Amino acid sequence: MGHWPALLWLGPSLAFIAAVVVYPVAALVRASLSRYSITGLYQGSMGASNYTRLLEQEALVTVVANTLIWVVAIVVVTIAASLGIAQLLNEEFPGRRLVRWTLIVPWAASLIMTSKLFVWLYDYYFGLLNQVLISLRLLAAPVDWLGNDATVMGAMIVVGIFVSVPFTTYVVLAGLSAIPGDVYEAARVDGASAWRTYRSVTLPLLRPALLVAVVLNVIYVFNSFPIVWTLNDRNPGFAHDTMITYMYKIAFKSALRDVGLAAALGCVNVLVILLAVGVYLRTVSWREAEA
């Protein structure tokens, strides 16, 4: 019978993958090579012209720079914070289980809901952040955190870190839990200090978990639409957009209203994600080979 029984069992899964992955990607590529009216009607092929026009957009450099800052800042701070929090949660202390349960809430909650909560916290007139900082005499007057060009990116990054830390902490915590206790016992016998043990034993053994956490965070943060859109929706133009929100604005919210141009940027975004996925798969393969 050959491979037919396997194909019979895999058929529904393959059909589902084709429906939700292959077909949308093919439609996206086709749209990136086409021209559409402002109402979305197909008006013929444009070849690679949309990609050429994309490179000519004045806002593209700013958007790419914003995306790099957004991804790098969140991932670096998240990994650093998660290392400390995971180390703390790996120790025995009263209420540890409750703290672990509480930590997962920001990750499990809706990103839109969390972003709206921070919009209220950042509010110029009634936001709790301004009130607290003024009462502590750290500010002389309220700050428009989401309306000031100097603060809006930082304010969005804080939210990105807030929702990224729980997942990353659990990944690092799983890595810490997998380290054998005999390794630490051997380090103590050799007279290694706590810092030396952490630097020479814990961090090297955490490297596979850290690599997976970094790659997954890059994918999640790069794709994060709700946070940037919700916190930046009051600002005109593209000065604080990332590539994901810029793509949406090109298609639906800007004077361009160009679906083909947005699809071209969408294809670029897909290539970036595929690159990150490739790194992730290589990381997992390397981890399995090392194990």
Protein backbone atom coordinates (compact mmCIF):
# COMPACT_ATOMS: atom_id res chain seq x y z
CA MET A 1 0.00 0.00 0.00
CA GLY A 2 3.01 2.27 0.22
CA HIS A 3 2.56 5.66 1.81
CA TRP A 4 -1.19 5.92 1.21
CA PRO A 5 -2.24 5.00 4.78
CA ALA A 6 0.05 7.72 6.18
CA LEU A 7 -1.31 10.26 3.69
CA LEU A 8 -4.85 9.26 4.61
CA TRP A 9 -4.18 10.05 8.27
CA LEU A 10 -2.22 13.21 7.49
CA GLY A 11 -4.73 14.42 4.90
CA PRO A 12 -6.93 16.52 7.22
CA SER A 13 -3.90 18.17 8.84
CA LEU A 14 -2.31 18.90 5.47
CA ALA A 15 -5.57 20.34 4.17
CA PHE A 16 -5.85 22.54 7.24
CA ILE A 17 -2.26 23.77 6.85
CA ALA A 18 -2.90 24.49 3.18
CA ALA A 19 -6.04 26.46 4.04
CA VAL A 20 -4.59 28.61 6.86
CA VAL A 21 -0.93 28.92 5.77
CA VAL A 22 -0.21 28.07 2.14
CA TYR A 23 -3.22 29.79 0.58
CA PRO A 24 -2.85 33.07 2.56
CA VAL A 25 0.87 33.22 1.74
CA ALA A 26 0.16 32.63 -1.94
CA ALA A 27 -2.55 35.32 -1.86
CA LEU A 28 -0.15 37.72 -0.15
CA VAL A 29 2.55 37.16 -2.77
CA ARG A 30 0.00 37.62 -5.55
CA ALA A 31 -1.27 40.83 -3.96
CA SER A 32 2.29 42.16 -3.65
CA LEU A 33 2.66 41.81 -7.43
CA SER A 34 -0.68 43.45 -8.23
CA ARG A 35 -2.43 46.79 -8.25
CA TYR A 36 -5.71 47.46 -6.46
CA SER A 37 -8.16 50.33 -6.37
CA ILE A 38 -8.82 52.23 -3.15
CA THR A 39 -11.87 50.00 -2.68
CA GLY A 40 -9.78 46.83 -3.05
CA LEU A 41 -10.66 45.88 -6.64
CA TYR A 42 -7.96 44.07 -8.61
CA GLN A 43 -6.62 46.25 -11.44
CA GLY A 44 -3.90 44.12 -12.97
CA SER A 45 -0.33 43.03 -12.42
CA MET A 46 2.52 45.37 -11.48
CA GLY A 47 5.38 42.89 -11.33
CA ALA A 48 8.02 43.95 -8.80
CA SER A 49 7.01 47.63 -8.92
CA ASN A 50 5.43 47.50 -5.47
CA TYR A 51 8.75 46.42 -3.96
CA THR A 52 10.55 49.24 -5.77
CA ARG A 53 7.96 51.74 -4.56
CA LEU A 54 8.30 50.37 -1.03
CA LEU A 55 11.99 51.26 -0.99
CA GLU A 56 11.09 54.78 -2.13
CA GLN A 57 8.81 55.48 0.86
CA GLU A 58 10.28 58.25 3.02
CA ALA A 59 8.93 56.74 6.23
CA LEU A 60 10.52 53.32 5.64
CA VAL A 61 13.88 54.18 7.23
CA THR A 62 12.17 55.56 10.35
CA VAL A 63 9.88 52.54 10.59
CA VAL A 64 12.76 50.05 10.23
CA ALA A 65 14.75 51.95 12.89
CA ASN A 66 11.71 51.93 15.20
CA THR A 67 11.31 48.18 14.67
CA LEU A 68 14.96 47.50 15.51
CA ILE A 69 14.76 49.63 18.67
CA TRP A 70 11.43 48.04 19.63
CA VAL A 71 12.65 44.45 19.21
CA VAL A 72 16.18 44.82 20.60
CA ALA A 73 15.20 46.88 23.65
CA ILE A 74 12.36 44.59 24.68
CA VAL A 75 14.26 41.35 24.09
CA VAL A 76 17.44 42.48 25.90
CA VAL A 77 15.65 43.88 28.94
CA THR A 78 13.22 40.95 29.05
CA ILE A 79 16.00 38.37 29.04
CA ALA A 80 17.95 40.23 31.74
CA ALA A 81 14.89 40.67 33.96
CA SER A 82 13.72 37.10 33.42
CA LEU A 83 17.09 35.71 34.46
CA GLY A 84 16.82 37.44 37.84
CA ILE A 85 13.14 36.63 38.39
CA ALA A 86 13.59 32.99 37.37
CA GLN A 87 16.54 32.64 39.73
CA LEU A 88 14.38 34.01 42.55
CA LEU A 89 11.41 31.77 41.74
CA ASN A 90 13.71 28.75 41.58
CA GLU A 91 14.47 29.15 45.28
CA GLU A 92 12.24 27.83 48.06
CA PHE A 93 10.29 30.52 49.94
CA PRO A 94 6.80 30.87 51.44
CA GLY A 95 4.20 31.74 48.82
CA ARG A 96 6.36 30.73 45.85
CA ARG A 97 3.49 28.95 44.12
CA LEU A 98 1.25 32.01 44.46
CA VAL A 99 3.96 34.27 43.04
CA ARG A 100 4.40 31.92 40.08
CA TRP A 101 0.67 31.94 39.41
CA THR A 102 0.54 35.72 39.64
CA LEU A 103 3.44 36.12 37.25
CA ILE A 104 1.60 34.40 34.41
CA VAL A 105 -1.36 36.85 34.48
CA PRO A 106 0.19 39.61 32.27
CA TRP A 107 1.06 37.01 29.64
CA ALA A 108 -2.33 35.28 29.75
CA ALA A 109 -4.34 38.51 29.60
CA SER A 110 -5.45 40.02 26.30
CA LEU A 111 -2.83 42.34 24.80
CA ILE A 112 -5.52 44.87 23.91
CA MET A 113 -6.82 44.86 27.48
CA THR A 114 -3.30 45.25 28.91
CA SER A 115 -2.47 48.02 26.44
CA LYS A 116 -5.67 49.91 27.31
CA LEU A 117 -4.82 49.60 30.98
CA PHE A 118 -1.48 51.26 30.32
CA VAL A 119 -3.15 53.96 28.22
CA TRP A 120 -5.11 54.91 31.33
CA LEU A 121 -2.00 54.69 33.53
CA TYR A 122 -0.14 56.99 31.13
CA ASP A 123 -3.05 59.46 30.79
CA TYR A 124 -1.93 63.09 30.98
CA TYR A 125 -4.78 64.31 33.19
CA PHE A 126 -5.90 61.31 35.24
CA GLY A 127 -3.10 58.75 34.83
CA LEU A 128 -1.80 57.13 37.99
CA LEU A 129 1.81 57.33 36.78
CA ASN A 130 1.84 61.14 36.63
CA GLN A 131 0.09 61.41 39.99
CA VAL A 132 2.58 59.11 41.70
CA LEU A 133 5.65 60.77 40.19
CA ILE A 134 4.38 64.24 41.04
CA SER A 135 3.53 63.22 44.60
CA LEU A 136 7.08 61.84 44.96
CA ARG A 137 8.40 65.14 43.55
CA LEU A 138 10.08 63.34 40.69
CA LEU A 139 8.05 65.43 38.23
CA ALA A 140 7.13 69.08 38.47
CA ALA A 141 4.26 68.77 35.96
CA PRO A 142 2.39 65.97 34.19
CA VAL A 143 4.01 64.36 31.16
CA ASP A 144 2.11 63.38 28.02
CA TRP A 145 3.75 59.96 27.82
CA LEU A 146 1.91 58.83 24.69
CA GLY A 147 1.79 62.20 22.94
CA ASN A 148 5.38 63.37 23.34
CA ASP A 149 7.80 62.19 20.66
CA ALA A 150 10.53 61.84 23.28
CA THR A 151 8.58 59.44 25.50
CA VAL A 152 6.09 57.48 23.38
CA MET A 153 8.55 54.80 22.19
CA GLY A 154 9.87 54.28 25.72
CA ALA A 155 6.32 54.04 27.06
CA MET A 156 5.46 51.36 24.48
CA ILE A 157 8.65 49.43 25.22
CA VAL A 158 7.73 49.28 28.92
CA VAL A 159 4.43 47.61 28.01
CA GLY A 160 6.21 45.21 25.67
CA ILE A 161 8.58 44.19 28.46
CA PHE A 162 5.70 43.83 30.92
CA VAL A 163 3.89 41.27 28.74
CA SER A 164 7.08 39.47 27.60
CA VAL A 165 8.70 38.83 30.98
CA PRO A 166 6.27 36.13 32.24
CA PHE A 167 6.69 33.76 29.29
CA THR A 168 10.46 34.27 29.19
CA THR A 169 10.74 33.74 32.94
CA TYR A 170 8.97 30.39 32.65
CA VAL A 171 11.28 29.33 29.81
CA VAL A 172 14.34 30.22 31.91
CA LEU A 173 12.77 28.61 34.98
CA ALA A 174 12.32 25.38 33.04
CA GLY A 175 15.98 25.55 32.08
CA LEU A 176 17.01 26.09 35.69
CA SER A 177 14.87 23.17 36.85
CA ALA A 178 16.61 20.88 34.34
CA ILE A 179 20.10 21.57 35.74
CA PRO A 180 21.21 18.62 37.92
CA GLY A 181 21.88 19.39 41.56
CA ASP A 182 25.10 17.33 41.38
CA VAL A 183 26.68 20.03 39.23
CA TYR A 184 26.18 22.65 41.94
CA GLU A 185 27.43 20.22 44.58
CA ALA A 186 30.61 19.67 42.59
CA ALA A 187 31.10 23.45 42.27
CA ARG A 188 30.73 23.89 46.03
CA VAL A 189 33.25 21.11 46.67
CA ASP A 190 35.70 22.91 44.39
CA GLY A 191 35.23 26.08 46.45
CA ALA A 192 33.50 28.13 43.75
CA SER A 193 31.76 31.29 44.95
CA ALA A 194 28.08 31.94 44.22
CA TRP A 195 28.90 34.35 41.38
CA ARG A 196 31.53 32.00 39.94
CA THR A 197 29.04 29.12 40.04
CA TYR A 198 26.39 31.21 38.32
CA ARG A 199 28.79 32.44 35.62
CA SER A 200 30.60 29.15 34.96
CA VAL A 201 27.87 26.59 35.65
CA THR A 202 24.36 28.06 35.50
CA LEU A 203 24.68 30.36 32.47
CA PRO A 204 26.40 27.80 30.20
CA LEU A 205 23.80 25.16 31.06
CA LEU A 206 21.03 27.72 30.48
CA ARG A 207 22.30 28.59 27.01
CA PRO A 208 19.85 26.34 25.10
CA ALA A 209 16.86 27.74 27.02
CA LEU A 210 18.14 31.30 26.57
CA LEU A 211 18.58 30.85 22.83
CA VAL A 212 15.05 29.52 22.48
CA ALA A 213 13.71 32.38 24.63
CA VAL A 214 15.55 34.99 22.55
CA VAL A 215 14.34 33.65 19.20
CA LEU A 216 10.73 33.23 20.33
CA ASN A 217 10.73 36.71 21.84
CA VAL A 218 12.09 38.21 18.63
CA ILE A 219 9.22 36.58 16.72
CA TYR A 220 6.54 37.62 19.22
CA VAL A 221 7.80 41.18 19.67
CA PHE A 222 8.31 41.77 15.96
CA ASN A 223 4.73 40.61 15.32
CA SER A 224 3.25 42.61 18.20
CA PHE A 225 0.51 44.69 16.61
CA PRO A 226 -1.92 45.38 19.51
CA ILE A 227 0.54 47.15 21.82
CA VAL A 228 1.94 49.57 19.24
CA TRP A 229 -1.44 50.19 17.64
CA THR A 230 -3.30 50.80 20.90
CA LEU A 231 -0.70 53.07 22.49
CA ASN A 232 0.21 54.94 19.31
CA ASP A 233 -3.20 55.39 17.68
CA ARG A 234 -3.50 59.07 18.68
CA ASN A 235 -0.29 60.08 16.88
CA PRO A 236 -0.51 61.01 13.17
CA GLY A 237 1.97 59.82 10.59
CA PHE A 238 4.46 56.97 10.94
CA ALA A 239 7.00 58.42 13.37
CA HIS A 240 6.47 55.70 16.00
CA ASP A 241 5.23 52.79 13.92
CA THR A 242 6.86 49.40 13.52
CA MET A 243 6.81 47.41 10.30
CA ILE A 244 3.64 45.58 11.34
CA THR A 245 1.57 48.68 12.09
CA TYR A 246 3.09 50.52 9.13
CA MET A 247 1.88 47.75 6.84
CA TYR A 248 -1.66 48.08 8.19
CA LYS A 249 -1.64 51.87 7.85
CA ILE A 250 -0.43 51.70 4.26
CA ALA A 251 -3.37 49.48 3.37
CA PHE A 252 -6.20 51.03 5.39
CA LYS A 253 -5.35 54.14 7.43
CA SER A 254 -3.06 56.42 5.42
CA ALA A 255 -3.53 58.59 2.35
CA LEU A 256 -1.88 55.84 0.30
CA ARG A 257 -4.58 53.19 0.81
CA ASP A 258 -2.43 50.87 -1.28
CA VAL A 259 -3.10 47.16 -0.73
CA GLY A 260 -0.38 46.07 -3.16
CA LEU A 261 2.27 48.17 -1.43
CA ALA A 262 1.16 46.88 1.97
CA ALA A 263 1.29 43.29 0.65
CA ALA A 264 4.87 43.87 -0.52
CA LEU A 265 5.82 44.96 2.99
CA GLY A 266 3.88 41.96 4.31
CA CYS A 267 6.08 39.65 2.24
CA VAL A 268 9.17 41.32 3.67
CA ASN A 269 7.77 40.81 7.17
CA VAL A 270 7.12 37.14 6.43
CA LEU A 271 10.73 36.71 5.28
CA VAL A 272 11.97 38.27 8.52
CA ILE A 273 9.81 35.87 10.53
CA LEU A 274 10.96 32.90 8.45
CA LEU A 275 14.55 33.90 9.17
CA ALA A 276 13.79 33.94 12.91
CA VAL A 277 11.98 30.59 12.62
CA GLY A 278 14.99 29.15 10.82
CA VAL A 279 17.25 30.28 13.65
CA TYR A 280 14.80 28.75 16.13
CA LEU A 281 14.76 25.40 14.33
CA ARG A 282 18.55 25.37 14.17
CA THR A 283 18.63 26.16 17.89
CA VAL A 284 16.25 23.31 18.74
CA SER A 285 18.22 20.88 16.55
CA TRP A 286 21.45 21.98 18.20
CA ARG A 287 19.91 21.54 21.63
CA GLU A 288 18.71 18.02 20.81
CA ALA A 289 22.12 17.08 19.40
CA GLU A 290 23.82 18.44 22.52
CA ALA A 291 21.45 16.46 24.75
